[in-house]
Amino acid sequence: MKKVLSIIFCLILVLPIISVTAETDENIKTFGVLSYVIENGEVTITDCDTSATGTVEIPQEIEGLPVTVIGDEAFSNLKQVETVIIPDSVKTIERWSFYECELLKGSTIPDSVSSIGHSAFFRCDNLESVTFSKNITCIPYLTFFECSKITHINIPEGVTEIGIGAFSWSSIESVD
């Protein structure tokens, strides 16, 4: 009897998780090499196919709706992407968004972006330059950890907080 109750209890706990996951997967759509979801009339980029190479351009709009978020890990572990063009419609770059993009060389974060998640560019080994949005107020912890080719950084005047280790293991020689 205890085994039966244990199995029923486990099923009660697991079934809602399975149904939520299945529902989420149904909402994921694709646009070229990009995967996305629509929430509250806005588009969040959730993934980029690992077959992507060279330059990936995020569109301003998909299905007539603005692309406003680059989601958690959306471009993580891409091995052959050198540039990601971020449109002015993007407001948020979430955590780990570009984690270990080995060939990513530069990034311009448009002025529309007001929030960057922690570890967003963690271990982008070939990242040489970053141009920040003037609307950024915080560079979170580990944002550019192990970006060993960054030698110069221009921090916008509005930045009031730089998180622990934001530029650790980088090669920064000068800051403006």
C-alpha atoms as a PDB file:
ATOM      1  CA  MET A   1       0.000   0.000   0.000  1.00  0.00           C
ATOM      2  CA  LYS A   2       2.871   2.382   0.823  1.00  0.00           C
ATOM      3  CA  LYS A   3       4.436   1.728  -2.603  1.00  0.00           C
ATOM      4  CA  VAL A   4       1.185   2.501  -4.392  1.00  0.00           C
ATOM      5  CA  LEU A   5       0.757   5.740  -2.440  1.00  0.00           C
ATOM      6  CA  SER A   6       4.389   6.684  -3.147  1.00  0.00           C
ATOM      7  CA  ILE A   7       3.914   6.126  -6.883  1.00  0.00           C
ATOM      8  CA  ILE A   8       0.688   8.142  -6.926  1.00  0.00           C
ATOM      9  CA  PHE A   9       2.363  10.945  -4.979  1.00  0.00           C
ATOM     10  CA  CYS A  10       5.319  11.018  -7.405  1.00  0.00           C
ATOM     11  CA  LEU A  11       2.971  11.118 -10.396  1.00  0.00           C
ATOM     12  CA  ILE A  12       1.058  14.005  -8.871  1.00  0.00           C
ATOM     13  CA  LEU A  13       4.335  15.914  -8.537  1.00  0.00           C
ATOM     14  CA  VAL A  14       5.749  15.034 -11.982  1.00  0.00           C
ATOM     15  CA  LEU A  15       2.702  15.285 -14.271  1.00  0.00           C
ATOM     16  CA  PRO A  16       2.270  19.067 -13.913  1.00  0.00           C
ATOM     17  CA  ILE A  17       5.949  19.540 -14.820  1.00  0.00           C
ATOM     18  CA  ILE A  18       5.595  17.364 -17.922  1.00  0.00           C
ATOM     19  CA  SER A  19       2.481  19.219 -19.093  1.00  0.00           C
ATOM     20  CA  VAL A  20       4.094  22.653 -18.531  1.00  0.00           C
ATOM     21  CA  THR A  21       7.157  21.582 -20.517  1.00  0.00           C
ATOM     22  CA  ALA A  22       5.057  20.232 -23.364  1.00  0.00           C
ATOM     23  CA  GLU A  23       2.985  23.410 -23.444  1.00  0.00           C
ATOM     24  CA  THR A  24       6.124  25.556 -23.560  1.00  0.00           C
ATOM     25  CA  ASP A  25       7.627  23.513 -26.412  1.00  0.00           C
ATOM     26  CA  GLU A  26       4.461  24.001 -28.472  1.00  0.00           C
ATOM     27  CA  ASN A  27       4.884  27.782 -28.210  1.00  0.00           C
ATOM     28  CA  ILE A  28       8.422  27.780 -29.609  1.00  0.00           C
ATOM     29  CA  LYS A  29       8.582  28.879 -33.236  1.00  0.00           C
ATOM     30  CA  THR A  30      11.463  29.336 -35.660  1.00  0.00           C
ATOM     31  CA  PHE A  31      12.635  32.178 -37.872  1.00  0.00           C
ATOM     32  CA  GLY A  32      15.664  31.109 -39.897  1.00  0.00           C
ATOM     33  CA  VAL A  33      18.266  29.866 -37.401  1.00  0.00           C
ATOM     34  CA  LEU A  34      16.467  31.552 -34.491  1.00  0.00           C
ATOM     35  CA  SER A  35      13.882  30.068 -32.147  1.00  0.00           C
ATOM     36  CA  TYR A  36      11.467  32.359 -30.335  1.00  0.00           C
ATOM     37  CA  VAL A  37       8.342  32.650 -28.235  1.00  0.00           C
ATOM     38  CA  ILE A  38       5.701  35.345 -28.169  1.00  0.00           C
ATOM     39  CA  GLU A  39       4.646  36.648 -24.768  1.00  0.00           C
ATOM     40  CA  ASN A  40       2.461  39.682 -24.115  1.00  0.00           C
ATOM     41  CA  GLY A  41       2.777  40.917 -27.687  1.00  0.00           C
ATOM     42  CA  GLU A  42       6.585  40.810 -27.686  1.00  0.00           C
ATOM     43  CA  VAL A  43       9.122  38.344 -29.042  1.00  0.00           C
ATOM     44  CA  THR A  44      11.841  36.661 -26.982  1.00  0.00           C
ATOM     45  CA  ILE A  45      14.667  34.940 -28.853  1.00  0.00           C
ATOM     46  CA  THR A  46      15.164  31.631 -27.039  1.00  0.00           C
ATOM     47  CA  ASP A  47      17.776  29.805 -29.126  1.00  0.00           C
ATOM     48  CA  CYS A  48      19.991  29.879 -32.177  1.00  0.00           C
ATOM     49  CA  ASP A  49      20.680  26.733 -34.189  1.00  0.00           C
ATOM     50  CA  THR A  50      24.233  25.466 -33.737  1.00  0.00           C
ATOM     51  CA  SER A  51      24.605  25.312 -37.521  1.00  0.00           C
ATOM     52  CA  ALA A  52      24.701  29.137 -37.634  1.00  0.00           C
ATOM     53  CA  THR A  53      27.953  30.631 -38.948  1.00  0.00           C
ATOM     54  CA  GLY A  54      29.437  34.075 -39.548  1.00  0.00           C
ATOM     55  CA  THR A  55      26.921  36.842 -38.839  1.00  0.00           C
ATOM     56  CA  VAL A  56      23.504  36.316 -37.273  1.00  0.00           C
ATOM     57  CA  GLU A  57      21.142  39.262 -37.490  1.00  0.00           C
ATOM     58  CA  ILE A  58      18.275  39.423 -35.037  1.00  0.00           C
ATOM     59  CA  PRO A  59      15.298  41.079 -36.777  1.00  0.00           C
ATOM     60  CA  GLN A  60      13.519  44.134 -35.317  1.00  0.00           C
ATOM     61  CA  GLU A  61      10.206  42.304 -35.641  1.00  0.00           C
ATOM     62  CA  ILE A  62       8.894  38.794 -36.116  1.00  0.00           C
ATOM     63  CA  GLU A  63       5.245  38.236 -37.050  1.00  0.00           C
ATOM     64  CA  GLY A  64       4.778  42.010 -36.838  1.00  0.00           C
ATOM     65  CA  LEU A  65       5.773  42.044 -33.147  1.00  0.00           C
ATOM     66  CA  PRO A  66       8.907  43.668 -31.692  1.00  0.00           C
ATOM     67  CA  VAL A  67      11.847  41.493 -30.657  1.00  0.00           C
ATOM     68  CA  THR A  68      12.530  42.808 -27.137  1.00  0.00           C
ATOM     69  CA  VAL A  69      14.421  40.079 -25.293  1.00  0.00           C
ATOM     70  CA  ILE A  70      17.424  37.877 -25.957  1.00  0.00           C
ATOM     71  CA  GLY A  71      16.611  35.011 -23.608  1.00  0.00           C
ATOM     72  CA  ASP A  72      18.689  32.942 -21.204  1.00  0.00           C
ATOM     73  CA  GLU A  73      21.362  31.003 -23.114  1.00  0.00           C
ATOM     74  CA  ALA A  74      19.838  31.963 -26.490  1.00  0.00           C
ATOM     75  CA  PHE A  75      23.200  32.077 -28.263  1.00  0.00           C
ATOM     76  CA  SER A  76      25.240  29.963 -25.846  1.00  0.00           C
ATOM     77  CA  ASN A  77      27.849  27.508 -27.086  1.00  0.00           C
ATOM     78  CA  LEU A  78      27.797  28.649 -30.703  1.00  0.00           C
ATOM     79  CA  LYS A  79      31.087  27.607 -32.241  1.00  0.00           C
ATOM     80  CA  GLN A  80      31.071  29.462 -35.575  1.00  0.00           C
ATOM     81  CA  VAL A  81      29.219  32.756 -35.092  1.00  0.00           C
ATOM     82  CA  GLU A  82      31.490  35.810 -35.258  1.00  0.00           C
ATOM     83  CA  THR A  83      28.904  38.590 -35.046  1.00  0.00           C
ATOM     84  CA  VAL A  84      25.385  38.945 -33.697  1.00  0.00           C
ATOM     85  CA  ILE A  85      23.597  42.102 -34.795  1.00  0.00           C
ATOM     86  CA  ILE A  86      21.229  43.233 -32.062  1.00  0.00           C
ATOM     87  CA  PRO A  87      18.386  45.531 -33.225  1.00  0.00           C
ATOM     88  CA  ASP A  88      17.198  48.689 -31.465  1.00  0.00           C
ATOM     89  CA  SER A  89      13.999  46.908 -30.439  1.00  0.00           C
ATOM     90  CA  VAL A  90      15.837  44.743 -27.861  1.00  0.00           C
ATOM     91  CA  LYS A  91      15.426  45.972 -24.278  1.00  0.00           C
ATOM     92  CA  THR A  92      16.851  43.043 -22.317  1.00  0.00           C
ATOM     93  CA  ILE A  93      19.748  40.649 -22.728  1.00  0.00           C
ATOM     94  CA  GLU A  94      19.222  37.869 -20.212  1.00  0.00           C
ATOM     95  CA  ARG A  95      21.788  35.784 -18.354  1.00  0.00           C
ATOM     96  CA  TRP A  96      24.201  33.482 -20.155  1.00  0.00           C
ATOM     97  CA  SER A  97      22.871  34.764 -23.510  1.00  0.00           C
ATOM     98  CA  PHE A  98      26.200  34.503 -25.339  1.00  0.00           C
ATOM     99  CA  TYR A  99      27.961  32.040 -23.031  1.00  0.00           C
ATOM    100  CA  GLU A 100      30.967  30.415 -24.722  1.00  0.00           C
ATOM    101  CA  CYS A 101      30.400  31.883 -28.187  1.00  0.00           C
ATOM    102  CA  GLU A 102      33.940  30.963 -29.128  1.00  0.00           C
ATOM    103  CA  LEU A 103      34.345  33.090 -32.276  1.00  0.00           C
ATOM    104  CA  LEU A 104      32.233  36.114 -31.276  1.00  0.00           C
ATOM    105  CA  LYS A 105      34.531  39.107 -31.917  1.00  0.00           C
ATOM    106  CA  GLY A 106      32.509  42.169 -31.078  1.00  0.00           C
ATOM    107  CA  SER A 107      29.212  43.308 -29.723  1.00  0.00           C
ATOM    108  CA  THR A 108      27.311  46.547 -29.959  1.00  0.00           C
ATOM    109  CA  ILE A 109      24.627  46.734 -27.341  1.00  0.00           C
ATOM    110  CA  PRO A 110      22.093  49.271 -28.666  1.00  0.00           C
ATOM    111  CA  ASP A 111      20.808  52.150 -26.548  1.00  0.00           C
ATOM    112  CA  SER A 112      17.415  50.448 -26.312  1.00  0.00           C
ATOM    113  CA  VAL A 113      18.951  47.848 -23.952  1.00  0.00           C
ATOM    114  CA  SER A 114      18.541  48.775 -20.296  1.00  0.00           C
ATOM    115  CA  SER A 115      19.257  45.398 -18.704  1.00  0.00           C
ATOM    116  CA  ILE A 116      21.975  42.781 -19.138  1.00  0.00           C
ATOM    117  CA  GLY A 117      21.847  39.534 -17.181  1.00  0.00           C
ATOM    118  CA  HIS A 118      24.795  38.113 -15.312  1.00  0.00           C
ATOM    119  CA  SER A 119      27.351  36.079 -17.254  1.00  0.00           C
ATOM    120  CA  ALA A 120      25.869  37.278 -20.569  1.00  0.00           C
ATOM    121  CA  PHE A 121      29.222  37.088 -22.409  1.00  0.00           C
ATOM    122  CA  PHE A 122      30.927  34.576 -20.104  1.00  0.00           C
ATOM    123  CA  ARG A 123      33.915  32.887 -21.804  1.00  0.00           C
ATOM    124  CA  CYS A 124      33.608  34.536 -25.209  1.00  0.00           C
ATOM    125  CA  ASP A 125      37.289  33.852 -25.890  1.00  0.00           C
ATOM    126  CA  ASN A 126      37.609  36.001 -29.032  1.00  0.00           C
ATOM    127  CA  LEU A 127      35.482  38.949 -27.931  1.00  0.00           C
ATOM    128  CA  GLU A 128      37.659  41.993 -28.593  1.00  0.00           C
ATOM    129  CA  SER A 129      35.270  44.903 -28.207  1.00  0.00           C
ATOM    130  CA  VAL A 130      31.983  45.841 -26.637  1.00  0.00           C
ATOM    131  CA  THR A 131      30.035  49.038 -27.178  1.00  0.00           C
ATOM    132  CA  PHE A 132      27.572  49.522 -24.349  1.00  0.00           C
ATOM    133  CA  SER A 133      24.117  51.035 -24.396  1.00  0.00           C
ATOM    134  CA  LYS A 134      24.156  54.450 -22.756  1.00  0.00           C
ATOM    135  CA  ASN A 135      21.098  53.285 -20.787  1.00  0.00           C
ATOM    136  CA  ILE A 136      22.894  50.526 -18.907  1.00  0.00           C
ATOM    137  CA  THR A 137      23.177  51.234 -15.178  1.00  0.00           C
ATOM    138  CA  CYS A 138      24.628  47.905 -14.070  1.00  0.00           C
ATOM    139  CA  ILE A 139      27.203  45.521 -15.488  1.00  0.00           C
ATOM    140  CA  PRO A 140      26.347  42.374 -13.511  1.00  0.00           C
ATOM    141  CA  TYR A 141      28.707  39.842 -12.024  1.00  0.00           C
ATOM    142  CA  LEU A 142      30.706  37.639 -14.405  1.00  0.00           C
ATOM    143  CA  THR A 143      29.314  39.446 -17.483  1.00  0.00           C
ATOM    144  CA  PHE A 144      32.654  39.349 -19.346  1.00  0.00           C
ATOM    145  CA  PHE A 145      34.418  36.659 -17.320  1.00  0.00           C
ATOM    146  CA  GLU A 146      37.280  35.068 -19.284  1.00  0.00           C
ATOM    147  CA  CYS A 147      36.869  37.348 -22.305  1.00  0.00           C
ATOM    148  CA  SER A 148      40.626  37.327 -22.638  1.00  0.00           C
ATOM    149  CA  LYS A 149      40.902  39.489 -25.777  1.00  0.00           C
ATOM    150  CA  ILE A 150      39.124  42.567 -24.439  1.00  0.00           C
ATOM    151  CA  THR A 151      41.829  45.161 -23.811  1.00  0.00           C
ATOM    152  CA  HIS A 152      39.785  48.384 -23.646  1.00  0.00           C
ATOM    153  CA  ILE A 153      36.348  49.111 -22.267  1.00  0.00           C
ATOM    154  CA  ASN A 154      34.269  52.277 -22.385  1.00  0.00           C
ATOM    155  CA  ILE A 155      31.836  52.299 -19.484  1.00  0.00           C
ATOM    156  CA  PRO A 156      28.839  54.617 -19.941  1.00  0.00           C
ATOM    157  CA  GLU A 157      28.387  57.462 -17.447  1.00  0.00           C
ATOM    158  CA  GLY A 158      25.089  56.032 -16.192  1.00  0.00           C
ATOM    159  CA  VAL A 159      26.686  52.842 -14.857  1.00  0.00           C
ATOM    160  CA  THR A 160      26.439  52.911 -11.075  1.00  0.00           C
ATOM    161  CA  GLU A 161      27.271  49.280 -10.363  1.00  0.00           C
ATOM    162  CA  ILE A 162      29.784  46.783 -11.668  1.00  0.00           C
ATOM    163  CA  GLY A 163      29.273  43.297 -10.287  1.00  0.00           C
ATOM    164  CA  ILE A 164      31.930  41.090  -8.770  1.00  0.00           C
ATOM    165  CA  GLY A 165      34.149  39.532 -11.399  1.00  0.00           C
ATOM    166  CA  ALA A 166      32.397  41.340 -14.269  1.00  0.00           C
ATOM    167  CA  PHE A 167      35.731  41.586 -16.120  1.00  0.00           C
ATOM    168  CA  SER A 168      37.738  38.873 -14.321  1.00  0.00           C
ATOM    169  CA  TRP A 169      40.268  37.020 -16.409  1.00  0.00           C
ATOM    170  CA  SER A 170      40.003  39.622 -19.149  1.00  0.00           C
ATOM    171  CA  SER A 171      42.972  41.542 -20.552  1.00  0.00           C
ATOM    172  CA  ILE A 172      41.690  45.053 -19.935  1.00  0.00           C
ATOM    173  CA  GLU A 173      44.466  47.621 -20.133  1.00  0.00           C
ATOM    174  CA  SER A 174      42.362  50.800 -20.207  1.00  0.00           C
ATOM    175  CA  VAL A 175      38.928  51.990 -19.133  1.00  0.00           C
ATOM    176  CA  ASP A 176      37.112  55.163 -20.184  1.00  0.00           C
END
